[in-house]
Amino acid sequence: MNKPKYLYKSEESFKVFEFTSEGSKGEIRKLVQFSETGTENVYNLAFGDFDENTQEINDFSVTNNGDSQKVLTTVASTVYAFIDKHPEAMIFATGSTNARTRLYRIGITNNLTEISKDFVVFGLMKNGNHWEHFTVGVEYEAFLISKKENI
């Protein structure tokens, strides 16, 4: 993606990424984590502020640091890095709130042409009964992203 993004660092397995959001509220440490689910080759994408007290991701925090587009582009960039290291992986993502899931849907919609060059995106219907190919304008509960050659 050729949009401004933050530099990030990762540990050797490329399952945890860290970067710093810089904006009106100062510097805020962010984490992106890809964790295994109960389904083979499906990883959950977790993202949020690093909570110093719990030493975990706080995916309910609202930063409002004025850099949301740059942050989302950085998260998308970690998806590419993760998939490069784990080419068979599929990534499951949903927001911690309906508003965040909507934000992710808008991000996918706005970048679908570029995303579709490398990936297939599925959306989980609101009733939770089935997955379909991502369609612009449809509300989804969650998203599943896979390299084209894995489908």
Protein backbone atom coordinates (compact mmCIF):
# COMPACT_ATOMS: atom_id res chain seq x y z
CA MET A 1 0.00 0.00 0.00
CA ASN A 2 1.49 3.30 -1.05
CA LYS A 3 0.08 5.40 1.77
CA PRO A 4 1.86 6.87 4.78
CA LYS A 5 2.46 4.32 7.51
CA TYR A 6 4.53 3.96 10.65
CA LEU A 7 7.69 1.92 10.85
CA TYR A 8 7.09 -1.20 12.90
CA LYS A 9 9.16 -3.93 14.43
CA SER A 10 8.39 -7.60 14.91
CA GLU A 11 9.76 -10.58 16.71
CA GLU A 12 11.23 -13.48 14.72
CA SER A 13 7.95 -15.34 14.07
CA PHE A 14 6.26 -12.22 12.68
CA LYS A 15 3.23 -12.84 14.90
CA VAL A 16 3.56 -9.70 17.04
CA PHE A 17 4.24 -6.24 15.63
CA GLU A 18 4.81 -2.99 17.48
CA PHE A 19 4.76 0.63 16.35
CA THR A 20 4.21 4.08 17.82
CA SER A 21 1.31 6.33 16.89
CA GLU A 22 2.34 9.99 16.86
CA GLY A 23 -0.34 12.63 16.97
CA SER A 24 -2.23 15.22 18.97
CA LYS A 25 -2.24 13.05 22.12
CA GLY A 26 1.48 12.32 21.90
CA GLU A 27 3.21 9.01 21.30
CA ILE A 28 1.10 5.90 21.86
CA ARG A 29 2.48 2.38 21.70
CA LYS A 30 0.42 0.08 19.45
CA LEU A 31 0.51 -3.69 19.02
CA VAL A 32 -0.75 -6.00 16.30
CA GLN A 33 -0.89 -9.69 17.16
CA PHE A 34 -1.70 -12.69 15.00
CA SER A 35 -2.72 -15.62 17.20
CA GLU A 36 -3.68 -19.16 16.29
CA THR A 37 -7.33 -20.13 16.48
CA GLY A 38 -8.85 -23.59 16.83
CA THR A 39 -8.93 -23.88 13.04
CA GLU A 40 -5.80 -24.93 11.18
CA ASN A 41 -4.02 -22.03 9.42
CA VAL A 42 -6.57 -19.46 10.66
CA TYR A 43 -5.13 -16.65 12.76
CA ASN A 44 -6.97 -13.96 14.69
CA LEU A 45 -5.78 -10.40 14.17
CA ALA A 46 -5.80 -8.40 17.40
CA PHE A 47 -4.88 -4.73 17.40
CA GLY A 48 -4.87 -1.90 19.90
CA ASP A 49 -2.95 0.18 22.38
CA PHE A 50 -0.37 -1.55 24.55
CA ASP A 51 -1.61 -1.52 28.15
CA GLU A 52 1.38 -0.98 30.46
CA ASN A 53 -0.56 -2.37 33.46
CA THR A 54 -1.67 -5.67 31.92
CA GLN A 55 1.18 -5.95 29.38
CA GLU A 56 -1.48 -6.84 26.79
CA ILE A 57 -3.35 -5.26 23.90
CA ASN A 58 -6.25 -3.03 24.90
CA ASP A 59 -8.52 -3.25 21.87
CA PHE A 60 -11.23 -1.13 23.51
CA SER A 61 -9.09 1.98 23.97
CA VAL A 62 -10.04 5.07 21.99
CA THR A 63 -6.92 7.05 21.23
CA ASN A 64 -8.18 9.82 18.94
CA ASN A 65 -4.59 10.71 18.11
CA GLY A 66 -5.52 12.20 14.73
CA ASP A 67 -3.69 9.57 12.71
CA SER A 68 -6.27 6.80 12.25
CA GLN A 69 -5.63 6.39 8.52
CA LYS A 70 -1.90 6.05 9.05
CA VAL A 71 -2.50 3.56 11.89
CA LEU A 72 -4.85 1.42 9.77
CA THR A 73 -2.40 1.49 6.86
CA THR A 74 0.31 0.30 9.24
CA VAL A 75 -1.89 -2.55 10.49
CA ALA A 76 -2.60 -3.52 6.85
CA SER A 77 1.14 -3.50 6.20
CA THR A 78 1.66 -5.98 9.05
CA VAL A 79 -0.84 -8.30 7.35
CA TYR A 80 1.39 -8.39 4.28
CA ALA A 81 4.47 -9.06 6.43
CA PHE A 82 2.70 -11.79 8.39
CA ILE A 83 1.46 -13.50 5.22
CA ASP A 84 4.94 -13.34 3.69
CA LYS A 85 6.22 -15.34 6.67
CA HIS A 86 3.09 -17.58 6.93
CA PRO A 87 1.88 -17.99 3.33
CA GLU A 88 -0.75 -20.65 4.13
CA ALA A 89 -2.40 -18.51 6.80
CA MET A 90 -5.86 -17.00 6.65
CA ILE A 91 -6.55 -14.00 8.84
CA PHE A 92 -9.76 -13.55 10.83
CA ALA A 93 -10.54 -9.99 11.89
CA THR A 94 -13.42 -8.28 13.62
CA GLY A 95 -13.70 -5.08 15.61
CA SER A 96 -14.04 -5.05 19.38
CA THR A 97 -17.13 -2.90 18.80
CA ASN A 98 -19.62 -2.50 15.95
CA ALA A 99 -18.10 0.90 15.17
CA ARG A 100 -14.65 -0.62 14.77
CA THR A 101 -15.94 -3.43 12.58
CA ARG A 102 -17.56 -0.72 10.44
CA LEU A 103 -14.24 1.16 10.31
CA TYR A 104 -12.48 -2.01 9.12
CA ARG A 105 -15.16 -2.54 6.47
CA ILE A 106 -14.67 1.02 5.23
CA GLY A 107 -10.91 0.49 5.13
CA ILE A 108 -11.33 -2.69 3.09
CA THR A 109 -13.81 -0.98 0.78
CA ASN A 110 -11.51 2.00 0.17
CA ASN A 111 -8.57 -0.27 -0.65
CA LEU A 112 -10.35 -3.24 -2.21
CA THR A 113 -8.78 -2.84 -5.66
CA GLU A 114 -5.28 -2.98 -4.23
CA ILE A 115 -6.11 -5.68 -1.66
CA SER A 116 -7.70 -7.85 -4.36
CA LYS A 117 -4.43 -8.03 -6.30
CA ASP A 118 -3.03 -10.40 -3.67
CA PHE A 119 -5.89 -11.47 -1.42
CA VAL A 120 -9.43 -12.76 -1.36
CA VAL A 121 -11.63 -11.16 1.30
CA PHE A 122 -14.72 -12.79 2.77
CA GLY A 123 -17.32 -11.24 5.03
CA LEU A 124 -19.32 -13.04 7.72
CA MET A 125 -22.97 -12.13 7.28
CA LYS A 126 -24.59 -10.23 10.16
CA ASN A 127 -26.69 -13.28 11.08
CA GLY A 128 -23.44 -15.22 11.47
CA ASN A 129 -24.71 -18.06 9.30
CA HIS A 130 -22.34 -17.93 6.37
CA TRP A 131 -19.35 -16.33 4.71
CA GLU A 132 -19.52 -14.65 1.32
CA HIS A 133 -17.06 -12.87 -0.93
CA PHE A 134 -16.70 -9.32 0.37
CA THR A 135 -19.22 -7.03 -1.30
CA VAL A 136 -19.00 -3.26 -1.03
CA GLY A 137 -21.93 -1.81 0.92
CA VAL A 138 -22.78 -4.97 2.87
CA GLU A 139 -22.41 -4.96 6.66
CA TYR A 140 -20.44 -7.87 8.06
CA GLU A 141 -19.69 -9.19 11.55
CA ALA A 142 -16.15 -10.26 10.66
CA PHE A 143 -13.69 -10.65 7.81
CA LEU A 144 -11.48 -13.47 6.58
CA ILE A 145 -8.50 -12.70 4.36
CA SER A 146 -6.48 -15.24 2.41
CA LYS A 147 -3.87 -15.19 -0.32
CA LYS A 148 -5.52 -15.85 -3.67
CA GLU A 149 -3.53 -19.01 -4.27
CA ASN A 150 -4.86 -20.55 -1.02
CA ILE A 151 -8.45 -20.47 -2.20
